[in-house]
């Protein structure tokens, strides 16, 4: 009788172990370069990698049935790492370009970036595109693509600042009519500045638009399809929009 009980217990343990093994999930190794807020950066308080990309790839990976591990790498090392199998996915605000598509496969685009303008809400009907900014006063940050774009606008008087904060303050004070800058930077600013969000807005217009996507090894169709399916499901459920609204405000 004791032997029978032992056999029953042993079988139960074996079945439990088998079930546990069956429930184990594959690891999705995600490479990033965490210095591109608000897409990916290191939270100094939690010491965790955070940002829009990080939240999204964790949600997509989980939906696809993976445990997600984030790995910090130099940006130039990301494509070689996914090509050699050191990592499975790149999540680093990577623009989908023809040149990169020769080396890696991209998922469904999840974000459209580009240059936009920040204006006062009272001028929303006045400034819709960059063509409307002719002969206006513009604020820019030195060294940005927005600064270069502003220089090409006919008749515009461009004031250059060392930081984005100074450019935003110039707009808030009424010294400038618009700030020309990368759209995600503008949207992140409005999300985190409640006072500014009450009086400022970003028109729908985007110049030099480019799409971001997650990248996988060229030819890894199985993983690509899993990630795309997971993203589509999260998009349909509204979860993608929730993650977006956590980081950006238009």
Protein backbone atom coordinates (compact mmCIF):
# COMPACT_ATOMS: atom_id res chain seq x y z
CA UNK A 1 0.00 0.00 0.00
CA UNK A 2 2.85 2.31 0.85
CA UNK A 3 4.51 1.43 -2.47
CA UNK A 4 1.26 2.21 -4.31
CA UNK A 5 1.02 5.61 -2.63
CA UNK A 6 4.61 6.32 -3.55
CA UNK A 7 3.91 5.48 -7.20
CA UNK A 8 0.83 7.73 -7.22
CA UNK A 9 2.78 10.61 -5.70
CA UNK A 10 5.66 10.12 -8.12
CA UNK A 11 3.26 10.17 -11.06
CA UNK A 12 1.64 13.33 -9.75
CA UNK A 13 5.01 15.04 -9.42
CA UNK A 14 6.00 13.93 -12.91
CA UNK A 15 2.74 15.18 -14.39
CA UNK A 16 3.11 18.48 -12.58
CA UNK A 17 6.65 18.87 -13.89
CA UNK A 18 5.53 18.07 -17.41
CA UNK A 19 2.75 20.62 -17.19
CA UNK A 20 5.21 23.18 -15.90
CA UNK A 21 7.59 22.46 -18.74
CA UNK A 22 4.74 22.69 -21.23
CA UNK A 23 3.85 26.14 -19.94
CA UNK A 24 7.41 27.49 -20.23
CA UNK A 25 7.71 30.37 -22.69
CA UNK A 26 10.50 31.16 -25.12
CA UNK A 27 12.71 34.16 -24.42
CA UNK A 28 12.56 37.11 -26.81
CA UNK A 29 15.87 38.97 -26.68
CA UNK A 30 15.28 42.61 -27.57
CA UNK A 31 18.17 44.93 -28.35
CA UNK A 32 17.88 48.68 -27.81
CA UNK A 33 19.99 51.80 -27.42
CA UNK A 34 18.32 53.51 -24.44
CA UNK A 35 19.19 57.15 -24.99
CA UNK A 36 16.26 58.18 -27.21
CA UNK A 37 13.49 59.49 -24.96
CA UNK A 38 10.58 59.11 -25.06
CA UNK A 39 11.04 55.91 -27.07
CA UNK A 40 13.68 54.22 -24.94
CA UNK A 41 15.66 55.44 -21.97
CA UNK A 42 16.82 54.35 -18.53
CA UNK A 43 14.56 55.28 -15.63
CA UNK A 44 17.07 56.50 -13.05
CA UNK A 45 14.70 55.68 -10.18
CA UNK A 46 13.75 52.12 -11.10
CA UNK A 47 16.90 51.34 -13.13
CA UNK A 48 14.57 49.82 -15.73
CA UNK A 49 14.50 50.51 -19.45
CA UNK A 50 11.34 52.44 -20.18
CA UNK A 51 9.67 54.43 -22.95
CA UNK A 52 7.12 53.99 -25.72
CA UNK A 53 9.14 51.34 -27.58
CA UNK A 54 9.84 49.44 -24.38
CA UNK A 55 6.19 49.33 -23.32
CA UNK A 56 5.08 48.36 -26.80
CA UNK A 57 7.61 45.57 -27.44
CA UNK A 58 6.93 44.11 -23.99
CA UNK A 59 3.20 44.08 -24.73
CA UNK A 60 3.69 42.65 -28.23
CA UNK A 61 6.15 40.03 -27.01
CA UNK A 62 3.84 38.97 -24.20
CA UNK A 63 0.88 38.75 -26.56
CA UNK A 64 2.96 36.63 -28.93
CA UNK A 65 3.77 34.23 -26.09
CA UNK A 66 7.29 35.30 -25.14
CA UNK A 67 9.13 36.42 -22.06
CA UNK A 68 10.91 39.64 -23.03
CA UNK A 69 14.50 40.50 -22.10
CA UNK A 70 15.81 43.99 -22.93
CA UNK A 71 19.52 44.25 -23.82
CA UNK A 72 21.46 47.52 -23.94
CA UNK A 73 23.62 47.88 -27.05
CA UNK A 74 25.20 50.60 -29.15
CA UNK A 75 22.92 51.68 -32.00
CA UNK A 76 25.43 50.68 -34.68
CA UNK A 77 25.68 47.21 -33.15
CA UNK A 78 21.95 46.46 -33.29
CA UNK A 79 21.60 45.38 -36.93
CA UNK A 80 24.73 43.15 -36.86
CA UNK A 81 23.46 41.63 -33.59
CA UNK A 82 20.08 40.64 -35.04
CA UNK A 83 21.74 39.39 -38.24
CA UNK A 84 24.03 37.07 -36.27
CA UNK A 85 21.32 35.91 -33.85
CA UNK A 86 22.75 37.58 -30.76
CA UNK A 87 19.35 39.23 -30.34
CA UNK A 88 15.94 38.42 -31.82
CA UNK A 89 14.42 41.87 -32.24
CA UNK A 90 15.52 45.49 -32.48
CA UNK A 91 13.32 48.03 -30.70
CA UNK A 92 15.11 51.36 -30.90
CA UNK A 93 13.10 53.89 -32.86
CA UNK A 94 14.51 52.46 -36.09
CA UNK A 95 13.30 54.13 -39.29
CA UNK A 96 12.21 51.77 -42.06
CA UNK A 97 14.49 52.62 -45.00
CA UNK A 98 15.21 50.77 -48.26
CA UNK A 99 18.85 50.35 -47.22
CA UNK A 100 17.95 48.76 -43.89
CA UNK A 101 15.34 46.53 -45.54
CA UNK A 102 18.16 44.87 -47.46
CA UNK A 103 19.63 43.65 -44.16
CA UNK A 104 16.65 43.04 -41.85
CA UNK A 105 12.90 42.49 -42.03
CA UNK A 106 10.59 45.03 -40.39
CA UNK A 107 7.30 44.51 -38.62
CA UNK A 108 4.18 46.52 -39.33
CA UNK A 109 5.06 50.21 -38.79
CA UNK A 110 4.00 51.32 -35.33
CA UNK A 111 4.90 55.03 -35.35
CA UNK A 112 5.17 57.80 -37.94
CA UNK A 113 7.82 60.36 -37.10
CA UNK A 114 8.98 63.49 -38.92
CA UNK A 115 9.10 67.25 -38.50
CA UNK A 116 6.15 69.16 -37.11
CA UNK A 117 5.40 72.48 -35.49
CA UNK A 118 4.17 73.50 -32.08
CA UNK A 119 1.83 76.50 -32.13
CA UNK A 120 -0.65 78.28 -29.91
CA UNK A 121 -4.16 76.85 -30.07
CA UNK A 122 -5.57 80.20 -31.06
CA UNK A 123 -3.58 79.94 -34.32
CA UNK A 124 -4.67 76.42 -35.25
CA UNK A 125 -6.59 77.64 -38.30
CA UNK A 126 -3.78 79.94 -39.34
CA UNK A 127 -0.77 77.60 -39.34
CA UNK A 128 -1.55 74.20 -40.89
CA UNK A 129 1.58 73.43 -42.91
CA UNK A 130 5.10 74.79 -43.12
CA UNK A 131 4.00 76.89 -46.12
CA UNK A 132 1.84 78.87 -43.71
CA UNK A 133 4.91 79.81 -41.67
CA UNK A 134 6.25 82.22 -44.31
CA UNK A 135 7.27 85.58 -42.82
CA UNK A 136 6.73 84.39 -39.23
CA UNK A 137 8.95 84.21 -36.15
CA UNK A 138 10.21 80.68 -35.50
CA UNK A 139 12.00 79.14 -32.52
CA UNK A 140 14.34 76.15 -32.97
CA UNK A 141 16.98 74.19 -31.11
CA UNK A 142 20.49 74.59 -32.47
CA UNK A 143 21.76 71.63 -34.50
CA UNK A 144 18.42 69.91 -35.09
CA UNK A 145 16.77 68.98 -38.38
CA UNK A 146 14.01 71.37 -37.35
CA UNK A 147 16.52 74.22 -37.30
CA UNK A 148 17.66 73.35 -40.81
CA UNK A 149 14.05 73.14 -42.03
CA UNK A 150 13.17 76.52 -40.53
CA UNK A 151 15.99 78.16 -42.48
CA UNK A 152 14.32 77.11 -45.75
CA UNK A 153 10.99 78.80 -44.97
CA UNK A 154 10.78 82.06 -46.97
CA UNK A 155 10.84 85.25 -44.93
CA UNK A 156 10.92 83.46 -41.56
CA UNK A 157 12.91 85.03 -38.75
CA UNK A 158 14.58 82.14 -36.93
CA UNK A 159 15.63 82.36 -33.28
CA UNK A 160 18.00 79.53 -32.26
CA UNK A 161 18.29 78.21 -28.71
CA UNK A 162 20.63 75.79 -26.97
CA UNK A 163 17.78 73.73 -25.50
CA UNK A 164 14.24 72.77 -26.46
CA UNK A 165 13.00 74.26 -23.17
CA UNK A 166 14.21 77.71 -24.22
CA UNK A 167 12.50 77.37 -27.60
CA UNK A 168 9.24 76.31 -25.95
CA UNK A 169 9.38 79.24 -23.53
CA UNK A 170 9.87 81.62 -26.45
CA UNK A 171 6.65 80.31 -27.97
CA UNK A 172 4.76 80.44 -24.67
CA UNK A 173 5.78 84.07 -24.17
CA UNK A 174 4.53 85.00 -27.62
CA UNK A 175 7.92 85.99 -29.04
CA UNK A 176 7.66 83.30 -31.71
CA UNK A 177 4.78 81.93 -33.74
CA UNK A 178 5.93 78.30 -33.83
CA UNK A 179 8.60 75.85 -32.73
CA UNK A 180 9.84 73.59 -35.53
CA UNK A 181 11.09 70.25 -34.19
CA UNK A 182 10.75 66.44 -34.41
CA UNK A 183 7.13 65.48 -33.82
CA UNK A 184 7.71 62.92 -31.01
CA UNK A 185 9.72 65.47 -29.03
CA UNK A 186 6.85 67.96 -29.32
CA UNK A 187 4.23 65.36 -28.37
CA UNK A 188 6.29 64.19 -25.37
CA UNK A 189 6.67 67.79 -24.20
CA UNK A 190 2.91 68.40 -24.27
CA UNK A 191 2.29 65.13 -22.41
CA UNK A 192 4.53 66.21 -19.55
CA UNK A 193 3.73 69.92 -19.42
CA UNK A 194 0.12 70.36 -18.33
CA UNK A 195 0.24 74.16 -18.38
CA UNK A 196 1.65 74.27 -21.92
CA UNK A 197 -0.84 71.66 -23.16
CA UNK A 198 -3.71 73.99 -22.29
CA UNK A 199 -2.58 76.65 -24.77
CA UNK A 200 -0.36 74.85 -27.30
CA UNK A 201 -1.06 72.19 -29.94
CA UNK A 202 0.56 70.26 -32.80
CA UNK A 203 -1.14 70.42 -36.22
CA UNK A 204 -1.63 67.11 -38.05
CA UNK A 205 0.89 68.04 -40.74
CA UNK A 206 4.15 66.04 -40.80
CA UNK A 207 7.10 66.88 -43.07
CA UNK A 208 9.79 64.38 -44.07
CA UNK A 209 7.67 61.59 -42.60
CA UNK A 210 9.33 58.28 -41.73
CA UNK A 211 7.92 55.14 -40.12
CA UNK A 212 9.41 53.19 -37.22
CA UNK A 213 9.26 49.40 -37.04
CA UNK A 214 10.70 46.56 -34.99
CA UNK A 215 13.39 44.65 -36.90
CA UNK A 216 14.10 40.90 -37.02
CA UNK A 217 16.63 38.75 -38.84
CA UNK A 218 16.13 38.69 -42.60
CA UNK A 219 14.01 35.68 -43.50
CA UNK A 220 12.72 35.00 -39.98
CA UNK A 221 9.15 34.84 -41.24
CA UNK A 222 7.84 32.86 -38.27
CA UNK A 223 8.84 35.47 -35.70
CA UNK A 224 7.78 38.34 -37.95
CA UNK A 225 4.30 36.90 -38.39
CA UNK A 226 3.92 36.31 -34.64
CA UNK A 227 4.90 39.88 -33.83
CA UNK A 228 2.65 41.35 -36.53
CA UNK A 229 -0.29 39.23 -35.36
CA UNK A 230 0.25 40.28 -31.76
CA UNK A 231 0.51 43.95 -32.73
CA UNK A 232 -2.69 43.74 -34.80
CA UNK A 233 -4.56 42.18 -31.87
CA UNK A 234 -3.30 44.85 -29.45
CA UNK A 235 -4.21 47.57 -31.93
CA UNK A 236 -7.72 46.20 -32.33
CA UNK A 237 -8.22 45.95 -28.57
CA UNK A 238 -7.14 49.55 -28.00
CA UNK A 239 -4.05 48.61 -26.00
CA UNK A 240 -1.67 50.25 -28.51
CA UNK A 241 -3.57 53.52 -28.20
CA UNK A 242 -3.34 53.31 -24.42
CA UNK A 243 0.43 52.91 -24.59
CA UNK A 244 0.66 55.79 -27.06
CA UNK A 245 -1.38 58.12 -24.86
CA UNK A 246 0.89 57.30 -21.91
CA UNK A 247 3.85 58.88 -23.71
CA UNK A 248 2.48 61.38 -26.22
CA UNK A 249 -0.13 64.10 -26.50
CA UNK A 250 -1.10 65.79 -29.73
